Amino acid sequence: MRIVAMEWMSLDAVVQSPMYPDEDASGGFRHGGWHGPYLDEAAQDWVTETITSADAYLFGRGTYDRFAAYWPTAGPEVRVLAEPLNTRPKYVASHRPLTRPWPGAVRLGADVRDALPG
């Protein structure tokens, strides 16, 4: 199985809440949406190609919870991303049971490497 990691991280190691001001304010984070203004057309094309060409997705628990809350009911303007995210397998690295259902999601056990297919 080929795994591609997509991380949006600032030079000072911020990964939280990259796209929208209210995306994830946990821990008092007040800088949501820091990445959105810099996502130009070339970067958007790369993200779209990477997401739509994936056979499956590997998420950490926090990302899974946010994605599972948004993508199943996402509007038609983001259908190109919603369709593969909603229909392809999703593997979640978490010790805790998944509390938010999302079709195709599988919680991986303690040993993520051994739990992944292929």
PDB file of N, CA and C in Angstrom:
ATOM      1  N   MET A   1       0.838  -1.172   0.000  1.00  0.00           N
ATOM      2  CA  MET A   1       0.000   0.000   0.000  1.00  0.00           C
ATOM      3  C   MET A   1       0.884   1.237   0.000  1.00  0.00           C
ATOM      4  N   ARG A   2       0.578   2.178  -0.855  1.00  0.00           N
ATOM      5  CA  ARG A   2       1.295   3.445  -0.936  1.00  0.00           C
ATOM      6  C   ARG A   2       0.561   4.471  -0.082  1.00  0.00           C
ATOM      7  N   ILE A   3       1.268   5.115   0.828  1.00  0.00           N
ATOM      8  CA  ILE A   3       0.672   6.132   1.679  1.00  0.00           C
ATOM      9  C   ILE A   3       1.326   7.471   1.378  1.00  0.00           C
ATOM     10  N   VAL A   4       0.507   8.466   1.102  1.00  0.00           N
ATOM     11  CA  VAL A   4       0.982   9.822   0.873  1.00  0.00           C
ATOM     12  C   VAL A   4       0.535  10.664   2.056  1.00  0.00           C
ATOM     13  N   ALA A   5       1.463  11.328   2.695  1.00  0.00           N
ATOM     14  CA  ALA A   5       1.133  12.189   3.835  1.00  0.00           C
ATOM     15  C   ALA A   5       0.943  13.613   3.349  1.00  0.00           C
ATOM     16  N   MET A   6      -0.171  14.201   3.723  1.00  0.00           N
ATOM     17  CA  MET A   6      -0.442  15.604   3.416  1.00  0.00           C
ATOM     18  C   MET A   6      -0.501  16.354   4.739  1.00  0.00           C
ATOM     19  N   GLU A   7       0.418  17.233   4.949  1.00  0.00           N
ATOM     20  CA  GLU A   7       0.448  18.039   6.166  1.00  0.00           C
ATOM     21  C   GLU A   7       0.488  19.501   5.788  1.00  0.00           C
ATOM     22  N   TRP A   8      -0.377  20.272   6.359  1.00  0.00           N
ATOM     23  CA  TRP A   8      -0.317  21.717   6.200  1.00  0.00           C
ATOM     24  C   TRP A   8       0.246  22.251   7.497  1.00  0.00           C
ATOM     25  N   MET A   9       1.480  22.695   7.432  1.00  0.00           N
ATOM     26  CA  MET A   9       2.172  23.129   8.638  1.00  0.00           C
ATOM     27  C   MET A   9       2.879  24.450   8.365  1.00  0.00           C
ATOM     28  N   SER A  10       2.746  25.367   9.308  1.00  0.00           N
ATOM     29  CA  SER A  10       3.453  26.636   9.182  1.00  0.00           C
ATOM     30  C   SER A  10       4.924  26.425   9.520  1.00  0.00           C
ATOM     31  N   LEU A  11       5.749  27.414   9.222  1.00  0.00           N
ATOM     32  CA  LEU A  11       7.181  27.296   9.516  1.00  0.00           C
ATOM     33  C   LEU A  11       7.466  27.191  11.007  1.00  0.00           C
ATOM     34  N   ASP A  12       6.521  27.646  11.839  1.00  0.00           N
ATOM     35  CA  ASP A  12       6.713  27.504  13.284  1.00  0.00           C
ATOM     36  C   ASP A  12       5.903  26.327  13.840  1.00  0.00           C
ATOM     37  N   ALA A  13       5.609  25.350  12.980  1.00  0.00           N
ATOM     38  CA  ALA A  13       5.034  24.048  13.333  1.00  0.00           C
ATOM     39  C   ALA A  13       3.567  24.072  13.735  1.00  0.00           C
ATOM     40  N   VAL A  14       2.794  25.040  13.267  1.00  0.00           N
ATOM     41  CA  VAL A  14       1.359  25.046  13.521  1.00  0.00           C
ATOM     42  C   VAL A  14       0.676  24.177  12.470  1.00  0.00           C
ATOM     43  N   VAL A  15      -0.161  23.238  12.918  1.00  0.00           N
ATOM     44  CA  VAL A  15      -0.951  22.427  12.001  1.00  0.00           C
ATOM     45  C   VAL A  15      -2.443  22.593  12.279  1.00  0.00           C
ATOM     46  N   GLN A  16      -2.783  23.168  13.376  1.00  0.00           N
ATOM     47  CA  GLN A  16      -4.172  23.282  13.806  1.00  0.00           C
ATOM     48  C   GLN A  16      -4.943  24.306  12.976  1.00  0.00           C
ATOM     49  N   SER A  17      -6.157  23.946  12.599  1.00  0.00           N
ATOM     50  CA  SER A  17      -7.131  24.848  12.000  1.00  0.00           C
ATOM     51  C   SER A  17      -6.601  25.624  10.795  1.00  0.00           C
ATOM     52  N   PRO A  18      -6.124  24.938   9.751  1.00  0.00           N
ATOM     53  CA  PRO A  18      -5.494  25.659   8.648  1.00  0.00           C
ATOM     54  C   PRO A  18      -6.447  26.464   7.763  1.00  0.00           C
ATOM     55  N   MET A  19      -7.686  26.020   7.593  1.00  0.00           N
ATOM     56  CA  MET A  19      -8.520  26.636   6.556  1.00  0.00           C
ATOM     57  C   MET A  19      -9.511  27.695   7.039  1.00  0.00           C
ATOM     58  N   TYR A  20     -10.121  27.507   8.196  1.00  0.00           N
ATOM     59  CA  TYR A  20     -11.212  28.396   8.598  1.00  0.00           C
ATOM     60  C   TYR A  20     -11.015  28.890  10.031  1.00  0.00           C
ATOM     61  N   PRO A  21     -11.426  30.122  10.317  1.00  0.00           N
ATOM     62  CA  PRO A  21     -11.247  30.676  11.658  1.00  0.00           C
ATOM     63  C   PRO A  21     -11.907  29.846  12.757  1.00  0.00           C
ATOM     64  N   ASP A  22     -13.032  29.202  12.456  1.00  0.00           N
ATOM     65  CA  ASP A  22     -13.747  28.426  13.471  1.00  0.00           C
ATOM     66  C   ASP A  22     -13.555  26.911  13.315  1.00  0.00           C
ATOM     67  N   GLU A  23     -12.574  26.506  12.550  1.00  0.00           N
ATOM     68  CA  GLU A  23     -12.350  25.087  12.257  1.00  0.00           C
ATOM     69  C   GLU A  23     -12.020  24.275  13.511  1.00  0.00           C
ATOM     70  N   ASP A  24     -11.121  24.754  14.316  1.00  0.00           N
ATOM     71  CA  ASP A  24     -10.715  24.040  15.533  1.00  0.00           C
ATOM     72  C   ASP A  24     -10.095  25.040  16.504  1.00  0.00           C
ATOM     73  N   ALA A  25     -10.910  25.516  17.419  1.00  0.00           N
ATOM     74  CA  ALA A  25     -10.433  26.491  18.406  1.00  0.00           C
ATOM     75  C   ALA A  25     -10.060  25.826  19.722  1.00  0.00           C
ATOM     76  N   SER A  26      -9.899  24.500  19.706  1.00  0.00           N
ATOM     77  CA  SER A  26      -9.567  23.804  20.948  1.00  0.00           C
ATOM     78  C   SER A  26      -8.266  24.340  21.541  1.00  0.00           C
ATOM     79  N   GLY A  27      -8.198  24.332  22.856  1.00  0.00           N
ATOM     80  CA  GLY A  27      -7.018  24.821  23.551  1.00  0.00           C
ATOM     81  C   GLY A  27      -6.865  26.338  23.465  1.00  0.00           C
ATOM     82  N   GLY A  28      -7.935  27.041  23.062  1.00  0.00           N
ATOM     83  CA  GLY A  28      -7.881  28.491  22.953  1.00  0.00           C
ATOM     84  C   GLY A  28      -7.188  29.000  21.698  1.00  0.00           C
ATOM     85  N   PHE A  29      -7.030  28.135  20.686  1.00  0.00           N
ATOM     86  CA  PHE A  29      -6.341  28.531  19.454  1.00  0.00           C
ATOM     87  C   PHE A  29      -7.124  29.639  18.758  1.00  0.00           C
ATOM     88  N   ARG A  30      -6.468  30.758  18.465  1.00  0.00           N
ATOM     89  CA  ARG A  30      -7.123  31.939  17.902  1.00  0.00           C
ATOM     90  C   ARG A  30      -6.638  32.287  16.500  1.00  0.00           C
ATOM     91  N   HIS A  31      -5.920  31.411  15.858  1.00  0.00           N
ATOM     92  CA  HIS A  31      -5.334  31.752  14.561  1.00  0.00           C
ATOM     93  C   HIS A  31      -5.877  30.894  13.424  1.00  0.00           C
ATOM     94  N   GLY A  32      -7.086  30.390  13.591  1.00  0.00           N
ATOM     95  CA  GLY A  32      -7.693  29.556  12.569  1.00  0.00           C
ATOM     96  C   GLY A  32      -7.771  30.264  11.231  1.00  0.00           C
ATOM     97  N   GLY A  33      -7.564  29.515  10.171  1.00  0.00           N
ATOM     98  CA  GLY A  33      -7.599  30.058   8.824  1.00  0.00           C
ATOM     99  C   GLY A  33      -6.271  30.604   8.339  1.00  0.00           C
ATOM    100  N   TRP A  34      -5.206  30.273   9.042  1.00  0.00           N
ATOM    101  CA  TRP A  34      -3.879  30.817   8.722  1.00  0.00           C
ATOM    102  C   TRP A  34      -3.379  30.382   7.343  1.00  0.00           C
ATOM    103  N   HIS A  35      -3.832  29.248   6.840  1.00  0.00           N
ATOM    104  CA  HIS A  35      -3.314  28.710   5.585  1.00  0.00           C
ATOM    105  C   HIS A  35      -4.143  29.124   4.370  1.00  0.00           C
ATOM    106  N   GLY A  36      -5.437  29.270   4.557  1.00  0.00           N
ATOM    107  CA  GLY A  36      -6.344  29.546   3.453  1.00  0.00           C
ATOM    108  C   GLY A  36      -5.909  30.645   2.497  1.00  0.00           C
ATOM    109  N   PRO A  37      -5.460  31.802   2.990  1.00  0.00           N
ATOM    110  CA  PRO A  37      -5.078  32.884   2.079  1.00  0.00           C
ATOM    111  C   PRO A  37      -3.903  32.541   1.155  1.00  0.00           C
ATOM    112  N   TYR A  38      -3.142  31.517   1.488  1.00  0.00           N
ATOM    113  CA  TYR A  38      -1.958  31.166   0.699  1.00  0.00           C
ATOM    114  C   TYR A  38      -2.194  29.979  -0.236  1.00  0.00           C
ATOM    115  N   LEU A  39      -3.409  29.455  -0.244  1.00  0.00           N
ATOM    116  CA  LEU A  39      -3.730  28.292  -1.072  1.00  0.00           C
ATOM    117  C   LEU A  39      -4.102  28.785  -2.473  1.00  0.00           C
ATOM    118  N   ASP A  40      -3.088  28.898  -3.335  1.00  0.00           N
ATOM    119  CA  ASP A  40      -3.319  29.404  -4.684  1.00  0.00           C
ATOM    120  C   ASP A  40      -3.860  28.290  -5.589  1.00  0.00           C
ATOM    121  N   GLU A  41      -4.101  28.609  -6.848  1.00  0.00           N
ATOM    122  CA  GLU A  41      -4.696  27.651  -7.778  1.00  0.00           C
ATOM    123  C   GLU A  41      -3.833  26.403  -7.970  1.00  0.00           C
ATOM    124  N   ALA A  42      -2.528  26.570  -8.056  1.00  0.00           N
ATOM    125  CA  ALA A  42      -1.638  25.408  -8.219  1.00  0.00           C
ATOM    126  C   ALA A  42      -1.720  24.492  -6.999  1.00  0.00           C
ATOM    127  N   ALA A  43      -1.747  25.076  -5.815  1.00  0.00           N
ATOM    128  CA  ALA A  43      -1.845  24.271  -4.590  1.00  0.00           C
ATOM    129  C   ALA A  43      -3.205  23.583  -4.506  1.00  0.00           C
ATOM    130  N   GLN A  44      -4.259  24.284  -4.878  1.00  0.00           N
ATOM    131  CA  GLN A  44      -5.587  23.672  -4.878  1.00  0.00           C
ATOM    132  C   GLN A  44      -5.660  22.507  -5.859  1.00  0.00           C
ATOM    133  N   ASP A  45      -5.047  22.661  -7.022  1.00  0.00           N
ATOM    134  CA  ASP A  45      -5.020  21.572  -7.998  1.00  0.00           C
ATOM    135  C   ASP A  45      -4.268  20.365  -7.449  1.00  0.00           C
ATOM    136  N   TRP A  46      -3.154  20.606  -6.746  1.00  0.00           N
ATOM    137  CA  TRP A  46      -2.385  19.508  -6.172  1.00  0.00           C
ATOM    138  C   TRP A  46      -3.193  18.775  -5.107  1.00  0.00           C
ATOM    139  N   VAL A  47      -3.867  19.520  -4.240  1.00  0.00           N
ATOM    140  CA  VAL A  47      -4.692  18.907  -3.198  1.00  0.00           C
ATOM    141  C   VAL A  47      -5.799  18.075  -3.838  1.00  0.00           C
ATOM    142  N   THR A  48      -6.474  18.630  -4.822  1.00  0.00           N
ATOM    143  CA  THR A  48      -7.559  17.910  -5.488  1.00  0.00           C
ATOM    144  C   THR A  48      -7.050  16.634  -6.138  1.00  0.00           C
ATOM    145  N   GLU A  49      -5.948  16.713  -6.848  1.00  0.00           N
ATOM    146  CA  GLU A  49      -5.373  15.531  -7.498  1.00  0.00           C
ATOM    147  C   GLU A  49      -4.955  14.479  -6.481  1.00  0.00           C
ATOM    148  N   THR A  50      -4.337  14.899  -5.411  1.00  0.00           N
ATOM    149  CA  THR A  50      -3.874  13.959  -4.389  1.00  0.00           C
ATOM    150  C   THR A  50      -5.051  13.257  -3.722  1.00  0.00           C
ATOM    151  N   ILE A  51      -6.071  13.992  -3.363  1.00  0.00           N
ATOM    152  CA  ILE A  51      -7.232  13.391  -2.698  1.00  0.00           C
ATOM    153  C   ILE A  51      -8.018  12.502  -3.653  1.00  0.00           C
ATOM    154  N   THR A  52      -8.232  12.951  -4.872  1.00  0.00           N
ATOM    155  CA  THR A  52      -9.053  12.161  -5.797  1.00  0.00           C
ATOM    156  C   THR A  52      -8.332  10.939  -6.354  1.00  0.00           C
ATOM    157  N   SER A  53      -7.015  10.914  -6.299  1.00  0.00           N
ATOM    158  CA  SER A  53      -6.288   9.758  -6.820  1.00  0.00           C
ATOM    159  C   SER A  53      -5.962   8.718  -5.750  1.00  0.00           C
ATOM    160  N   ALA A  54      -6.282   9.000  -4.511  1.00  0.00           N
ATOM    161  CA  ALA A  54      -5.986   8.059  -3.423  1.00  0.00           C
ATOM    162  C   ALA A  54      -6.956   6.877  -3.452  1.00  0.00           C
ATOM    163  N   ASP A  55      -6.436   5.712  -3.069  1.00  0.00           N
ATOM    164  CA  ASP A  55      -7.288   4.530  -2.954  1.00  0.00           C
ATOM    165  C   ASP A  55      -7.942   4.443  -1.582  1.00  0.00           C
ATOM    166  N   ALA A  56      -7.299   5.052  -0.587  1.00  0.00           N
ATOM    167  CA  ALA A  56      -7.784   5.022   0.792  1.00  0.00           C
ATOM    168  C   ALA A  56      -7.127   6.184   1.536  1.00  0.00           C
ATOM    169  N   TYR A  57      -7.599   6.436   2.759  1.00  0.00           N
ATOM    170  CA  TYR A  57      -7.091   7.554   3.549  1.00  0.00           C
ATOM    171  C   TYR A  57      -6.728   7.066   4.947  1.00  0.00           C
ATOM    172  N   LEU A  58      -5.679   7.644   5.487  1.00  0.00           N
ATOM    173  CA  LEU A  58      -5.229   7.339   6.846  1.00  0.00           C
ATOM    174  C   LEU A  58      -5.333   8.625   7.649  1.00  0.00           C
ATOM    175  N   PHE A  59      -6.147   8.603   8.700  1.00  0.00           N
ATOM    176  CA  PHE A  59      -6.378   9.786   9.518  1.00  0.00           C
ATOM    177  C   PHE A  59      -5.964   9.551  10.959  1.00  0.00           C
ATOM    178  N   GLY A  60      -5.538  10.603  11.616  1.00  0.00           N
ATOM    179  CA  GLY A  60      -5.458  10.609  13.066  1.00  0.00           C
ATOM    180  C   GLY A  60      -6.861  10.858  13.584  1.00  0.00           C
ATOM    181  N   ARG A  61      -7.060  10.648  14.872  1.00  0.00           N
ATOM    182  CA  ARG A  61      -8.405  10.730  15.439  1.00  0.00           C
ATOM    183  C   ARG A  61      -9.016  12.123  15.325  1.00  0.00           C
ATOM    184  N   GLY A  62      -8.249  13.168  15.596  1.00  0.00           N
ATOM    185  CA  GLY A  62      -8.790  14.517  15.537  1.00  0.00           C
ATOM    186  C   GLY A  62      -9.242  14.890  14.134  1.00  0.00           C
ATOM    187  N   THR A  63      -8.416  14.596  13.138  1.00  0.00           N
ATOM    188  CA  THR A  63      -8.779  14.890  11.751  1.00  0.00           C
ATOM    189  C   THR A  63      -9.989  14.071  11.336  1.00  0.00           C
ATOM    190  N   TYR A  64     -10.007  12.802  11.715  1.00  0.00           N
ATOM    191  CA  TYR A  64     -11.157  11.960  11.387  1.00  0.00           C
ATOM    192  C   TYR A  64     -12.444  12.564  11.941  1.00  0.00           C
ATOM    193  N   ASP A  65     -12.443  12.948  13.204  1.00  0.00           N
ATOM    194  CA  ASP A  65     -13.661  13.494  13.812  1.00  0.00           C
ATOM    195  C   ASP A  65     -14.143  14.740  13.069  1.00  0.00           C
ATOM    196  N   ARG A  66     -13.236  15.626  12.702  1.00  0.00           N
ATOM    197  CA  ARG A  66     -13.627  16.845  11.975  1.00  0.00           C
ATOM    198  C   ARG A  66     -14.100  16.519  10.554  1.00  0.00           C
ATOM    199  N   PHE A  67     -13.393  15.627   9.867  1.00  0.00           N
ATOM    200  CA  PHE A  67     -13.787  15.265   8.506  1.00  0.00           C
ATOM    201  C   PHE A  67     -15.131  14.530   8.504  1.00  0.00           C
ATOM    202  N   ALA A  68     -15.317  13.604   9.445  1.00  0.00           N
ATOM    203  CA  ALA A  68     -16.566  12.836   9.513  1.00  0.00           C
ATOM    204  C   ALA A  68     -17.758  13.734   9.837  1.00  0.00           C
ATOM    205  N   ALA A  69     -17.516  14.846  10.487  1.00  0.00           N
ATOM    206  CA  ALA A  69     -18.590  15.797  10.784  1.00  0.00           C
ATOM    207  C   ALA A  69     -18.930  16.652   9.565  1.00  0.00           C
ATOM    208  N   TYR A  70     -17.962  16.868   8.683  1.00  0.00           N
ATOM    209  CA  TYR A  70     -18.171  17.788   7.555  1.00  0.00           C
ATOM    210  C   TYR A  70     -18.477  17.098   6.229  1.00  0.00           C
ATOM    211  N   TRP A  71     -17.632  16.172   5.802  1.00  0.00           N
ATOM    212  CA  TRP A  71     -17.698  15.668   4.432  1.00  0.00           C
ATOM    213  C   TRP A  71     -18.965  14.904   4.070  1.00  0.00           C
ATOM    214  N   PRO A  72     -19.580  14.134   4.943  1.00  0.00           N
ATOM    215  CA  PRO A  72     -20.807  13.431   4.530  1.00  0.00           C
ATOM    216  C   PRO A  72     -21.952  14.362   4.130  1.00  0.00           C
ATOM    217  N   THR A  73     -21.944  15.597   4.598  1.00  0.00           N
ATOM    218  CA  THR A  73     -23.015  16.530   4.263  1.00  0.00           C
ATOM    219  C   THR A  73     -22.489  17.758   3.511  1.00  0.00           C
ATOM    220  N   ALA A  74     -21.294  17.668   2.976  1.00  0.00           N
ATOM    221  CA  ALA A  74     -20.697  18.790   2.251  1.00  0.00           C
ATOM    222  C   ALA A  74     -21.528  19.121   1.021  1.00  0.00           C
ATOM    223  N   GLY A  75     -21.533  20.381   0.660  1.00  0.00           N
ATOM    224  CA  GLY A  75     -22.336  20.855  -0.462  1.00  0.00           C
ATOM    225  C   GLY A  75     -21.767  20.497  -1.818  1.00  0.00           C
ATOM    226  N   PRO A  76     -22.535  20.751  -2.869  1.00  0.00           N
ATOM    227  CA  PRO A  76     -22.129  20.393  -4.228  1.00  0.00           C
ATOM    228  C   PRO A  76     -20.883  21.133  -4.709  1.00  0.00           C
ATOM    229  N   GLU A  77     -20.570  22.271  -4.111  1.00  0.00           N
ATOM    230  CA  GLU A  77     -19.395  23.034  -4.540  1.00  0.00           C
ATOM    231  C   GLU A  77     -18.083  22.309  -4.231  1.00  0.00           C
ATOM    232  N   VAL A  78     -18.117  21.316  -3.346  1.00  0.00           N
ATOM    233  CA  VAL A  78     -16.909  20.540  -3.022  1.00  0.00           C
ATOM    234  C   VAL A  78     -17.100  19.058  -3.335  1.00  0.00           C
ATOM    235  N   ARG A  79     -18.027  18.761  -4.233  1.00  0.00           N
ATOM    236  CA  ARG A  79     -18.326  17.370  -4.581  1.00  0.00           C
ATOM    237  C   ARG A  79     -17.098  16.606  -5.065  1.00  0.00           C
ATOM    238  N   VAL A  80     -16.213  17.269  -5.807  1.00  0.00           N
ATOM    239  CA  VAL A  80     -15.028  16.598  -6.348  1.00  0.00           C
ATOM    240  C   VAL A  80     -14.179  16.002  -5.221  1.00  0.00           C
ATOM    241  N   LEU A  81     -14.172  16.610  -4.056  1.00  0.00           N
ATOM    242  CA  LEU A  81     -13.436  16.064  -2.907  1.00  0.00           C
ATOM    243  C   LEU A  81     -14.333  15.171  -2.053  1.00  0.00           C
ATOM    244  N   ALA A  82     -15.582  15.555  -1.897  1.00  0.00           N
ATOM    245  CA  ALA A  82     -16.494  14.800  -1.028  1.00  0.00           C
ATOM    246  C   ALA A  82     -16.724  13.378  -1.536  1.00  0.00           C
ATOM    247  N   GLU A  83     -16.856  13.216  -2.835  1.00  0.00           N
ATOM    248  CA  GLU A  83     -17.161  11.881  -3.384  1.00  0.00           C
ATOM    249  C   GLU A  83     -16.100  10.844  -3.012  1.00  0.00           C
ATOM    250  N   PRO A  84     -14.825  11.084  -3.278  1.00  0.00           N
ATOM    251  CA  PRO A  84     -13.853  10.058  -2.888  1.00  0.00           C
ATOM    252  C   PRO A  84     -13.723   9.919  -1.369  1.00  0.00           C
ATOM    253  N   LEU A  85     -13.763  11.026  -0.646  1.00  0.00           N
ATOM    254  CA  LEU A  85     -13.640  10.940   0.810  1.00  0.00           C
ATOM    255  C   LEU A  85     -14.793  10.161   1.426  1.00  0.00           C
ATOM    256  N   ASN A  86     -15.965  10.273   0.869  1.00  0.00           N
ATOM    257  CA  ASN A  86     -17.132   9.591   1.423  1.00  0.00           C
ATOM    258  C   ASN A  86     -17.274   8.146   0.975  1.00  0.00           C
ATOM    259  N   THR A  87     -16.624   7.754  -0.111  1.00  0.00           N
ATOM    260  CA  THR A  87     -16.859   6.412  -0.657  1.00  0.00           C
ATOM    261  C   THR A  87     -15.666   5.463  -0.536  1.00  0.00           C
ATOM    262  N   ARG A  88     -14.485   5.973  -0.288  1.00  0.00           N
ATOM    263  CA  ARG A  88     -13.302   5.114  -0.231  1.00  0.00           C
ATOM    264  C   ARG A  88     -12.974   4.742   1.213  1.00  0.00           C
ATOM    265  N   PRO A  89     -12.174   3.680   1.384  1.00  0.00           N
ATOM    266  CA  PRO A  89     -11.816   3.263   2.743  1.00  0.00           C
ATOM    267  C   PRO A  89     -11.062   4.360   3.504  1.00  0.00           C
ATOM    268  N   LYS A  90     -11.362   4.413   4.795  1.00  0.00           N
ATOM    269  CA  LYS A  90     -10.713   5.360   5.697  1.00  0.00           C
ATOM    270  C   LYS A  90     -10.195   4.577   6.894  1.00  0.00           C
ATOM    271  N   TYR A  91      -8.913   4.714   7.200  1.00  0.00           N
ATOM    272  CA  TYR A  91      -8.298   4.047   8.331  1.00  0.00           C
ATOM    273  C   TYR A  91      -7.973   5.110   9.373  1.00  0.00           C
ATOM    274  N   VAL A  92      -8.329   4.818  10.618  1.00  0.00           N
ATOM    275  CA  VAL A  92      -8.196   5.814  11.677  1.00  0.00           C
ATOM    276  C   VAL A  92      -7.278   5.274  12.764  1.00  0.00           C
ATOM    277  N   ALA A  93      -6.178   5.990  12.993  1.00  0.00           N
ATOM    278  CA  ALA A  93      -5.247   5.617  14.053  1.00  0.00           C
ATOM    279  C   ALA A  93      -5.800   6.152  15.373  1.00  0.00           C
ATOM    280  N   SER A  94      -6.395   5.259  16.154  1.00  0.00           N
ATOM    281  CA  SER A  94      -6.997   5.669  17.422  1.00  0.00           C
ATOM    282  C   SER A  94      -7.141   4.463  18.335  1.00  0.00           C
ATOM    283  N   HIS A  95      -6.861   4.678  19.600  1.00  0.00           N
ATOM    284  CA  HIS A  95      -7.090   3.620  20.596  1.00  0.00           C
ATOM    285  C   HIS A  95      -8.548   3.610  21.040  1.00  0.00           C
ATOM    286  N   ARG A  96      -9.216   4.757  20.921  1.00  0.00           N
ATOM    287  CA  ARG A  96     -10.607   4.872  21.361  1.00  0.00           C
ATOM    288  C   ARG A  96     -11.561   4.470  20.240  1.00  0.00           C
ATOM    289  N   PRO A  97     -12.711   3.918  20.587  1.00  0.00           N
ATOM    290  CA  PRO A  97     -13.710   3.586  19.567  1.00  0.00           C
ATOM    291  C   PRO A  97     -14.163   4.846  18.823  1.00  0.00           C
ATOM    292  N   LEU A  98     -14.533   4.684  17.573  1.00  0.00           N
ATOM    293  CA  LEU A  98     -15.038   5.805  16.787  1.00  0.00           C
ATOM    294  C   LEU A  98     -16.469   6.096  17.218  1.00  0.00           C
ATOM    295  N   THR A  99     -16.743   7.318  17.571  1.00  0.00           N
ATOM    296  CA  THR A  99     -18.085   7.690  18.029  1.00  0.00           C
ATOM    297  C   THR A  99     -18.898   8.360  16.930  1.00  0.00           C
ATOM    298  N   ARG A 100     -18.248   8.791  15.883  1.00  0.00           N
ATOM    299  CA  ARG A 100     -18.946   9.441  14.761  1.00  0.00           C
ATOM    300  C   ARG A 100     -18.853   8.494  13.567  1.00  0.00           C
ATOM    301  N   PRO A 101     -19.987   7.943  13.115  1.00  0.00           N
ATOM    302  CA  PRO A 101     -19.936   7.018  11.988  1.00  0.00           C
ATOM    303  C   PRO A 101     -19.637   7.731  10.671  1.00  0.00           C
ATOM    304  N   TRP A 102     -18.896   7.049   9.812  1.00  0.00           N
ATOM    305  CA  TRP A 102     -18.623   7.533   8.453  1.00  0.00           C
ATOM    306  C   TRP A 102     -18.384   6.272   7.634  1.00  0.00           C
ATOM    307  N   PRO A 103     -19.222   5.993   6.647  1.00  0.00           N
ATOM    308  CA  PRO A 103     -19.091   4.742   5.888  1.00  0.00           C
ATOM    309  C   PRO A 103     -17.669   4.520   5.375  1.00  0.00           C
ATOM    310  N   GLY A 104     -17.196   3.301   5.562  1.00  0.00           N
ATOM    311  CA  GLY A 104     -15.867   2.916   5.104  1.00  0.00           C
ATOM    312  C   GLY A 104     -14.763   3.157   6.121  1.00  0.00           C
ATOM    313  N   ALA A 105     -15.111   3.673   7.297  1.00  0.00           N
ATOM    314  CA  ALA A 105     -14.094   3.967   8.310  1.00  0.00           C
ATOM    315  C   ALA A 105     -13.790   2.730   9.147  1.00  0.00           C
ATOM    316  N   VAL A 106     -12.497   2.496   9.361  1.00  0.00           N
ATOM    317  CA  VAL A 106     -12.031   1.375  10.164  1.00  0.00           C
ATOM    318  C   VAL A 106     -11.030   1.910  11.180  1.00  0.00           C
ATOM    319  N   ARG A 107     -11.288   1.639  12.445  1.00  0.00           N
ATOM    320  CA  ARG A 107     -10.342   2.046  13.494  1.00  0.00           C
ATOM    321  C   ARG A 107      -9.218   1.028  13.541  1.00  0.00           C
ATOM    322  N   LEU A 108      -8.001   1.539  13.533  1.00  0.00           N
ATOM    323  CA  LEU A 108      -6.834   0.669  13.621  1.00  0.00           C
ATOM    324  C   LEU A 108      -6.465   0.485  15.083  1.00  0.00           C
ATOM    325  N   GLY A 109      -5.889  -0.636  15.401  1.00  0.00           N
ATOM    326  CA  GLY A 109      -5.507  -0.919  16.775  1.00  0.00           C
ATOM    327  C   GLY A 109      -4.210  -0.243  17.173  1.00  0.00           C
ATOM    328  N   ALA A 110      -3.582  -0.770  18.178  1.00  0.00           N
ATOM    329  CA  ALA A 110      -2.374  -0.166  18.742  1.00  0.00           C
ATOM    330  C   ALA A 110      -1.208  -0.160  17.754  1.00  0.00           C
ATOM    331  N   ASP A 111      -1.111  -1.165  16.921  1.00  0.00           N
ATOM    332  CA  ASP A 111      -0.002  -1.237  15.958  1.00  0.00           C
ATOM    333  C   ASP A 111      -0.518  -0.882  14.564  1.00  0.00           C
ATOM    334  N   VAL A 112      -0.457   0.390  14.237  1.00  0.00           N
ATOM    335  CA  VAL A 112      -1.007   0.896  12.983  1.00  0.00           C
ATOM    336  C   VAL A 112      -0.370   0.213  11.780  1.00  0.00           C
ATOM    337  N   ARG A 113       0.916   0.072  11.804  1.00  0.00           N
ATOM    338  CA  ARG A 113       1.618  -0.525  10.662  1.00  0.00           C
ATOM    339  C   ARG A 113       1.112  -1.930  10.353  1.00  0.00           C
ATOM    340  N   ASP A 114       0.955  -2.747  11.373  1.00  0.00           N
ATOM    341  CA  ASP A 114       0.487  -4.108  11.162  1.00  0.00           C
ATOM    342  C   ASP A 114      -1.008  -4.173  10.839  1.00  0.00           C
ATOM    343  N   ALA A 115      -1.755  -3.160  11.228  1.00  0.00           N
ATOM    344  CA  ALA A 115      -3.196  -3.172  11.014  1.00  0.00           C
ATOM    345  C   ALA A 115      -3.594  -2.741   9.601  1.00  0.00           C
ATOM    346  N   LEU A 116      -2.741  -2.020   8.906  1.00  0.00           N
ATOM    347  CA  LEU A 116      -3.068  -1.559   7.551  1.00  0.00           C
ATOM    348  C   LEU A 116      -3.045  -2.719   6.570  1.00  0.00           C
ATOM    349  N   PRO A 117      -4.004  -2.753   5.645  1.00  0.00           N
ATOM    350  CA  PRO A 117      -3.992  -3.822   4.649  1.00  0.00           C
ATOM    351  C   PRO A 117      -2.830  -3.655   3.673  1.00  0.00           C
ATOM    352  N   GLY A 118      -2.437  -4.748   3.090  1.00  0.00           N
ATOM    353  CA  GLY A 118      -1.387  -4.733   2.069  1.00  0.00           C
ATOM    354  C   GLY A 118      -0.067  -4.656   2.654  1.00  0.00           C
TER     355      GLY A 118
END
